[in-house]
Amino acid sequence: MLVPSKFTRLEESTIFKMKCVLTNKNEIENVLDVYIRTKDVFCDASEFLHALDVLYVLGFLIINYDSGLIEYA
């Protein structure tokens, strides 16, 4: 996961790109829909998954493991 530093601009950091997941969100959507909606923002899928992990840990996402749907807190 990229964090801002003197070598990495804030706009290039995963932390900054997490806001794109929370922008224009639907109330409930699956992971693939979120990825398709934000794929132009992230460099690759691993950066996208890191962003989802951080949002989950911070309590911004609730993931239903049975259905694979994401609800936003």
PDB file of N, CA and C in Angstrom:
ATOM      1  N   MET A   1       0.844  -1.170   0.000  1.00  0.00           N
ATOM      2  CA  MET A   1       0.000   0.000   0.000  1.00  0.00           C
ATOM      3  C   MET A   1       0.885   1.227   0.000  1.00  0.00           C
ATOM      4  N   LEU A   2       0.554   2.143  -0.866  1.00  0.00           N
ATOM      5  CA  LEU A   2       1.318   3.374  -0.939  1.00  0.00           C
ATOM      6  C   LEU A   2       0.766   4.397   0.033  1.00  0.00           C
ATOM      7  N   VAL A   3       1.644   4.946   0.823  1.00  0.00           N
ATOM      8  CA  VAL A   3       1.285   6.029   1.722  1.00  0.00           C
ATOM      9  C   VAL A   3       2.065   7.263   1.294  1.00  0.00           C
ATOM     10  N   PRO A   4       1.548   8.448   1.552  1.00  0.00           N
ATOM     11  CA  PRO A   4       2.268   9.653   1.143  1.00  0.00           C
ATOM     12  C   PRO A   4       3.624   9.749   1.833  1.00  0.00           C
ATOM     13  N   SER A   5       4.598  10.150   1.083  1.00  0.00           N
ATOM     14  CA  SER A   5       5.938  10.381   1.621  1.00  0.00           C
ATOM     15  C   SER A   5       6.592  11.453   0.767  1.00  0.00           C
ATOM     16  N   LYS A   6       7.853  11.697   0.990  1.00  0.00           N
ATOM     17  CA  LYS A   6       8.510  12.702   0.158  1.00  0.00           C
ATOM     18  C   LYS A   6       8.779  12.167  -1.248  1.00  0.00           C
ATOM     19  N   PHE A   7       8.624  10.855  -1.445  1.00  0.00           N
ATOM     20  CA  PHE A   7       8.805  10.264  -2.766  1.00  0.00           C
ATOM     21  C   PHE A   7       7.478   9.948  -3.452  1.00  0.00           C
ATOM     22  N   THR A   8       6.417   9.824  -2.680  1.00  0.00           N
ATOM     23  CA  THR A   8       5.088   9.500  -3.205  1.00  0.00           C
ATOM     24  C   THR A   8       4.154  10.672  -2.942  1.00  0.00           C
ATOM     25  N   ARG A   9       3.620  11.235  -4.013  1.00  0.00           N
ATOM     26  CA  ARG A   9       2.683  12.346  -3.858  1.00  0.00           C
ATOM     27  C   ARG A   9       1.395  11.851  -3.211  1.00  0.00           C
ATOM     28  N   LEU A  10       0.709  12.745  -2.551  1.00  0.00           N
ATOM     29  CA  LEU A  10      -0.547  12.396  -1.887  1.00  0.00           C
ATOM     30  C   LEU A  10      -1.538  11.810  -2.891  1.00  0.00           C
ATOM     31  N   GLU A  11      -1.624  12.383  -4.077  1.00  0.00           N
ATOM     32  CA  GLU A  11      -2.571  11.933  -5.091  1.00  0.00           C
ATOM     33  C   GLU A  11      -2.267  10.526  -5.598  1.00  0.00           C
ATOM     34  N   GLU A  12      -1.031  10.062  -5.446  1.00  0.00           N
ATOM     35  CA  GLU A  12      -0.640   8.720  -5.875  1.00  0.00           C
ATOM     36  C   GLU A  12      -0.819   7.679  -4.785  1.00  0.00           C
ATOM     37  N   SER A  13      -1.137   8.104  -3.580  1.00  0.00           N
ATOM     38  CA  SER A  13      -1.215   7.184  -2.454  1.00  0.00           C
ATOM     39  C   SER A  13      -2.547   6.442  -2.440  1.00  0.00           C
ATOM     40  N   THR A  14      -2.518   5.235  -1.920  1.00  0.00           N
ATOM     41  CA  THR A  14      -3.726   4.430  -1.799  1.00  0.00           C
ATOM     42  C   THR A  14      -4.709   5.094  -0.847  1.00  0.00           C
ATOM     43  N   ILE A  15      -4.199   5.720   0.178  1.00  0.00           N
ATOM     44  CA  ILE A  15      -5.050   6.384   1.159  1.00  0.00           C
ATOM     45  C   ILE A  15      -5.871   7.482   0.493  1.00  0.00           C
ATOM     46  N   PHE A  16      -5.270   8.229  -0.414  1.00  0.00           N
ATOM     47  CA  PHE A  16      -5.979   9.284  -1.128  1.00  0.00           C
ATOM     48  C   PHE A  16      -7.018   8.688  -2.083  1.00  0.00           C
ATOM     49  N   LYS A  17      -6.678   7.572  -2.713  1.00  0.00           N
ATOM     50  CA  LYS A  17      -7.564   6.955  -3.694  1.00  0.00           C
ATOM     51  C   LYS A  17      -8.766   6.258  -3.056  1.00  0.00           C
ATOM     52  N   MET A  18      -8.706   6.015  -1.748  1.00  0.00           N
ATOM     53  CA  MET A  18      -9.840   5.379  -1.063  1.00  0.00           C
ATOM     54  C   MET A  18     -11.099   6.214  -1.163  1.00  0.00           C
ATOM     55  N   LYS A  19     -10.945   7.522  -1.288  1.00  0.00           N
ATOM     56  CA  LYS A  19     -12.122   8.387  -1.383  1.00  0.00           C
ATOM     57  C   LYS A  19     -12.926   8.095  -2.640  1.00  0.00           C
ATOM     58  N   CYS A  20     -12.286   7.573  -3.678  1.00  0.00           N
ATOM     59  CA  CYS A  20     -12.992   7.237  -4.916  1.00  0.00           C
ATOM     60  C   CYS A  20     -13.948   6.068  -4.710  1.00  0.00           C
ATOM     61  N   VAL A  21     -13.623   5.170  -3.804  1.00  0.00           N
ATOM     62  CA  VAL A  21     -14.526   4.056  -3.491  1.00  0.00           C
ATOM     63  C   VAL A  21     -15.787   4.593  -2.830  1.00  0.00           C
ATOM     64  N   LEU A  22     -15.635   5.618  -2.004  1.00  0.00           N
ATOM     65  CA  LEU A  22     -16.771   6.164  -1.265  1.00  0.00           C
ATOM     66  C   LEU A  22     -17.558   7.195  -2.066  1.00  0.00           C
ATOM     67  N   THR A  23     -17.015   7.639  -3.201  1.00  0.00           N
ATOM     68  CA  THR A  23     -17.694   8.610  -4.049  1.00  0.00           C
ATOM     69  C   THR A  23     -18.584   7.883  -5.047  1.00  0.00           C
ATOM     70  N   ASN A  24     -19.760   8.397  -5.296  1.00  0.00           N
ATOM     71  CA  ASN A  24     -20.725   7.819  -6.249  1.00  0.00           C
ATOM     72  C   ASN A  24     -21.068   6.369  -5.940  1.00  0.00           C
ATOM     73  N   LYS A  25     -21.127   6.045  -4.689  1.00  0.00           N
ATOM     74  CA  LYS A  25     -21.407   4.665  -4.292  1.00  0.00           C
ATOM     75  C   LYS A  25     -22.896   4.383  -4.334  1.00  0.00           C
ATOM     76  N   ASN A  26     -23.227   3.120  -4.558  1.00  0.00           N
ATOM     77  CA  ASN A  26     -24.595   2.651  -4.410  1.00  0.00           C
ATOM     78  C   ASN A  26     -24.751   2.164  -2.976  1.00  0.00           C
ATOM     79  N   GLU A  27     -25.972   2.071  -2.513  1.00  0.00           N
ATOM     80  CA  GLU A  27     -26.191   1.678  -1.117  1.00  0.00           C
ATOM     81  C   GLU A  27     -25.619   0.290  -0.846  1.00  0.00           C
ATOM     82  N   ILE A  28     -25.890  -0.649  -1.755  1.00  0.00           N
ATOM     83  CA  ILE A  28     -25.346  -2.006  -1.644  1.00  0.00           C
ATOM     84  C   ILE A  28     -24.832  -2.400  -3.024  1.00  0.00           C
ATOM     85  N   GLU A  29     -23.602  -2.892  -3.094  1.00  0.00           N
ATOM     86  CA  GLU A  29     -23.028  -3.343  -4.361  1.00  0.00           C
ATOM     87  C   GLU A  29     -22.009  -4.437  -4.098  1.00  0.00           C
ATOM     88  N   ASN A  30     -21.688  -5.206  -5.133  1.00  0.00           N
ATOM     89  CA  ASN A  30     -20.696  -6.260  -4.935  1.00  0.00           C
ATOM     90  C   ASN A  30     -19.301  -5.739  -5.270  1.00  0.00           C
ATOM     91  N   VAL A  31     -18.299  -6.518  -4.941  1.00  0.00           N
ATOM     92  CA  VAL A  31     -16.909  -6.089  -5.090  1.00  0.00           C
ATOM     93  C   VAL A  31     -16.586  -5.807  -6.555  1.00  0.00           C
ATOM     94  N   LEU A  32     -17.086  -6.639  -7.464  1.00  0.00           N
ATOM     95  CA  LEU A  32     -16.813  -6.439  -8.883  1.00  0.00           C
ATOM     96  C   LEU A  32     -17.386  -5.112  -9.378  1.00  0.00           C
ATOM     97  N   ASP A  33     -18.584  -4.757  -8.932  1.00  0.00           N
ATOM     98  CA  ASP A  33     -19.164  -3.474  -9.331  1.00  0.00           C
ATOM     99  C   ASP A  33     -18.323  -2.299  -8.836  1.00  0.00           C
ATOM    100  N   VAL A  34     -17.833  -2.397  -7.618  1.00  0.00           N
ATOM    101  CA  VAL A  34     -16.988  -1.329  -7.073  1.00  0.00           C
ATOM    102  C   VAL A  34     -15.685  -1.244  -7.866  1.00  0.00           C
ATOM    103  N   TYR A  35     -15.109  -2.392  -8.197  1.00  0.00           N
ATOM    104  CA  TYR A  35     -13.864  -2.389  -8.965  1.00  0.00           C
ATOM    105  C   TYR A  35     -14.072  -1.788 -10.355  1.00  0.00           C
ATOM    106  N   ILE A  36     -15.136  -2.170 -11.026  1.00  0.00           N
ATOM    107  CA  ILE A  36     -15.410  -1.622 -12.363  1.00  0.00           C
ATOM    108  C   ILE A  36     -15.632  -0.117 -12.289  1.00  0.00           C
ATOM    109  N   ARG A  37     -16.296   0.333 -11.244  1.00  0.00           N
ATOM    110  CA  ARG A  37     -16.566   1.764 -11.071  1.00  0.00           C
ATOM    111  C   ARG A  37     -15.286   2.557 -10.815  1.00  0.00           C
ATOM    112  N   THR A  38     -14.294   1.942 -10.175  1.00  0.00           N
ATOM    113  CA  THR A  38     -13.092   2.673  -9.764  1.00  0.00           C
ATOM    114  C   THR A  38     -11.813   2.197 -10.446  1.00  0.00           C
ATOM    115  N   LYS A  39     -11.905   1.329 -11.451  1.00  0.00           N
ATOM    116  CA  LYS A  39     -10.695   0.729 -12.023  1.00  0.00           C
ATOM    117  C   LYS A  39      -9.752   1.734 -12.674  1.00  0.00           C
ATOM    118  N   ASP A  40     -10.260   2.882 -13.110  1.00  0.00           N
ATOM    119  CA  ASP A  40      -9.391   3.882 -13.723  1.00  0.00           C
ATOM    120  C   ASP A  40      -8.550   4.631 -12.695  1.00  0.00           C
ATOM    121  N   VAL A  41      -8.927   4.540 -11.441  1.00  0.00           N
ATOM    122  CA  VAL A  41      -8.230   5.267 -10.372  1.00  0.00           C
ATOM    123  C   VAL A  41      -7.037   4.474  -9.841  1.00  0.00           C
ATOM    124  N   PHE A  42      -7.203   3.157  -9.708  1.00  0.00           N
ATOM    125  CA  PHE A  42      -6.177   2.317  -9.099  1.00  0.00           C
ATOM    126  C   PHE A  42      -5.231   1.758 -10.158  1.00  0.00           C
ATOM    127  N   CYS A  43      -3.976   1.562  -9.764  1.00  0.00           N
ATOM    128  CA  CYS A  43      -2.967   1.019 -10.683  1.00  0.00           C
ATOM    129  C   CYS A  43      -3.252  -0.434 -11.028  1.00  0.00           C
ATOM    130  N   ASP A  44      -3.679  -1.203 -10.038  1.00  0.00           N
ATOM    131  CA  ASP A  44      -3.969  -2.619 -10.256  1.00  0.00           C
ATOM    132  C   ASP A  44      -4.946  -3.102  -9.188  1.00  0.00           C
ATOM    133  N   ALA A  45      -5.338  -4.362  -9.304  1.00  0.00           N
ATOM    134  CA  ALA A  45      -6.331  -4.913  -8.379  1.00  0.00           C
ATOM    135  C   ALA A  45      -5.810  -4.988  -6.952  1.00  0.00           C
ATOM    136  N   SER A  46      -4.515  -5.213  -6.773  1.00  0.00           N
ATOM    137  CA  SER A  46      -3.988  -5.312  -5.408  1.00  0.00           C
ATOM    138  C   SER A  46      -4.100  -3.975  -4.675  1.00  0.00           C
ATOM    139  N   GLU A  47      -3.888  -2.881  -5.370  1.00  0.00           N
ATOM    140  CA  GLU A  47      -4.047  -1.565  -4.745  1.00  0.00           C
ATOM    141  C   GLU A  47      -5.519  -1.333  -4.377  1.00  0.00           C
ATOM    142  N   PHE A  48      -6.422  -1.769  -5.243  1.00  0.00           N
ATOM    143  CA  PHE A  48      -7.850  -1.675  -4.967  1.00  0.00           C
ATOM    144  C   PHE A  48      -8.207  -2.490  -3.723  1.00  0.00           C
ATOM    145  N   LEU A  49      -7.693  -3.704  -3.625  1.00  0.00           N
ATOM    146  CA  LEU A  49      -7.983  -4.554  -2.468  1.00  0.00           C
ATOM    147  C   LEU A  49      -7.397  -3.991  -1.182  1.00  0.00           C
ATOM    148  N   HIS A  50      -6.228  -3.366  -1.265  1.00  0.00           N
ATOM    149  CA  HIS A  50      -5.664  -2.706  -0.087  1.00  0.00           C
ATOM    150  C   HIS A  50      -6.587  -1.580   0.379  1.00  0.00           C
ATOM    151  N   ALA A  51      -7.119  -0.836  -0.561  1.00  0.00           N
ATOM    152  CA  ALA A  51      -8.033   0.247  -0.207  1.00  0.00           C
ATOM    153  C   ALA A  51      -9.287  -0.301   0.470  1.00  0.00           C
ATOM    154  N   LEU A  52      -9.840  -1.393  -0.065  1.00  0.00           N
ATOM    155  CA  LEU A  52     -11.010  -2.004   0.567  1.00  0.00           C
ATOM    156  C   LEU A  52     -10.676  -2.516   1.961  1.00  0.00           C
ATOM    157  N   ASP A  53      -9.497  -3.105   2.124  1.00  0.00           N
ATOM    158  CA  ASP A  53      -9.077  -3.594   3.445  1.00  0.00           C
ATOM    159  C   ASP A  53      -9.046  -2.466   4.467  1.00  0.00           C
ATOM    160  N   VAL A  54      -8.446  -1.351   4.094  1.00  0.00           N
ATOM    161  CA  VAL A  54      -8.338  -0.224   5.028  1.00  0.00           C
ATOM    162  C   VAL A  54      -9.722   0.336   5.352  1.00  0.00           C
ATOM    163  N   LEU A  55     -10.571   0.477   4.331  1.00  0.00           N
ATOM    164  CA  LEU A  55     -11.928   0.975   4.578  1.00  0.00           C
ATOM    165  C   LEU A  55     -12.709   0.031   5.488  1.00  0.00           C
ATOM    166  N   TYR A  56     -12.490  -1.275   5.338  1.00  0.00           N
ATOM    167  CA  TYR A  56     -13.147  -2.257   6.202  1.00  0.00           C
ATOM    168  C   TYR A  56     -12.657  -2.137   7.640  1.00  0.00           C
ATOM    169  N   VAL A  57     -11.361  -2.039   7.817  1.00  0.00           N
ATOM    170  CA  VAL A  57     -10.787  -1.932   9.163  1.00  0.00           C
ATOM    171  C   VAL A  57     -11.252  -0.649   9.849  1.00  0.00           C
ATOM    172  N   LEU A  58     -11.379   0.426   9.075  1.00  0.00           N
ATOM    173  CA  LEU A  58     -11.825   1.697   9.640  1.00  0.00           C
ATOM    174  C   LEU A  58     -13.333   1.739   9.887  1.00  0.00           C
ATOM    175  N   GLY A  59     -14.059   0.735   9.425  1.00  0.00           N
ATOM    176  CA  GLY A  59     -15.485   0.667   9.677  1.00  0.00           C
ATOM    177  C   GLY A  59     -16.358   1.370   8.650  1.00  0.00           C
ATOM    178  N   PHE A  60     -15.794   1.709   7.496  1.00  0.00           N
ATOM    179  CA  PHE A  60     -16.573   2.356   6.449  1.00  0.00           C
ATOM    180  C   PHE A  60     -17.323   1.353   5.581  1.00  0.00           C
ATOM    181  N   LEU A  61     -16.914   0.088   5.607  1.00  0.00           N
ATOM    182  CA  LEU A  61     -17.539  -0.963   4.815  1.00  0.00           C
ATOM    183  C   LEU A  61     -18.005  -2.088   5.717  1.00  0.00           C
ATOM    184  N   ILE A  62     -19.125  -2.681   5.344  1.00  0.00           N
ATOM    185  CA  ILE A  62     -19.597  -3.906   5.969  1.00  0.00           C
ATOM    186  C   ILE A  62     -19.720  -4.919   4.842  1.00  0.00           C
ATOM    187  N   ILE A  63     -19.000  -6.022   4.931  1.00  0.00           N
ATOM    188  CA  ILE A  63     -18.984  -7.019   3.869  1.00  0.00           C
ATOM    189  C   ILE A  63     -19.777  -8.232   4.321  1.00  0.00           C
ATOM    190  N   ASN A  64     -20.758  -8.600   3.518  1.00  0.00           N
ATOM    191  CA  ASN A  64     -21.531  -9.811   3.757  1.00  0.00           C
ATOM    192  C   ASN A  64     -20.812 -10.947   3.033  1.00  0.00           C
ATOM    193  N   TYR A  65     -20.233 -11.856   3.787  1.00  0.00           N
ATOM    194  CA  TYR A  65     -19.407 -12.911   3.200  1.00  0.00           C
ATOM    195  C   TYR A  65     -20.226 -13.956   2.449  1.00  0.00           C
ATOM    196  N   ASP A  66     -21.483 -14.132   2.832  1.00  0.00           N
ATOM    197  CA  ASP A  66     -22.329 -15.114   2.150  1.00  0.00           C
ATOM    198  C   ASP A  66     -22.718 -14.648   0.752  1.00  0.00           C
ATOM    199  N   SER A  67     -23.123 -13.387   0.632  1.00  0.00           N
ATOM    200  CA  SER A  67     -23.582 -12.873  -0.661  1.00  0.00           C
ATOM    201  C   SER A  67     -22.497 -12.133  -1.430  1.00  0.00           C
ATOM    202  N   GLY A  68     -21.420 -11.719  -0.744  1.00  0.00           N
ATOM    203  CA  GLY A  68     -20.355 -10.959  -1.397  1.00  0.00           C
ATOM    204  C   GLY A  68     -20.711  -9.501  -1.622  1.00  0.00           C
ATOM    205  N   LEU A  69     -21.728  -9.014  -0.937  1.00  0.00           N
ATOM    206  CA  LEU A  69     -22.158  -7.622  -1.111  1.00  0.00           C
ATOM    207  C   LEU A  69     -21.495  -6.713  -0.088  1.00  0.00           C
ATOM    208  N   ILE A  70     -21.287  -5.477  -0.505  1.00  0.00           N
ATOM    209  CA  ILE A  70     -20.700  -4.456   0.343  1.00  0.00           C
ATOM    210  C   ILE A  70     -21.785  -3.461   0.710  1.00  0.00           C
ATOM    211  N   GLU A  71     -21.898  -3.195   1.999  1.00  0.00           N
ATOM    212  CA  GLU A  71     -22.769  -2.121   2.487  1.00  0.00           C
ATOM    213  C   GLU A  71     -21.862  -1.046   3.059  1.00  0.00           C
ATOM    214  N   TYR A  72     -22.250   0.182   2.875  1.00  0.00           N
ATOM    215  CA  TYR A  72     -21.448   1.298   3.380  1.00  0.00           C
ATOM    216  C   TYR A  72     -22.021   1.779   4.698  1.00  0.00           C
ATOM    217  N   ALA A  73     -21.160   1.961   5.683  1.00  0.00           N
ATOM    218  CA  ALA A  73     -21.593   2.396   7.019  1.00  0.00           C
ATOM    219  C   ALA A  73     -21.863   3.887   7.029  1.00  0.00           C
TER     220      ALA A  73
END
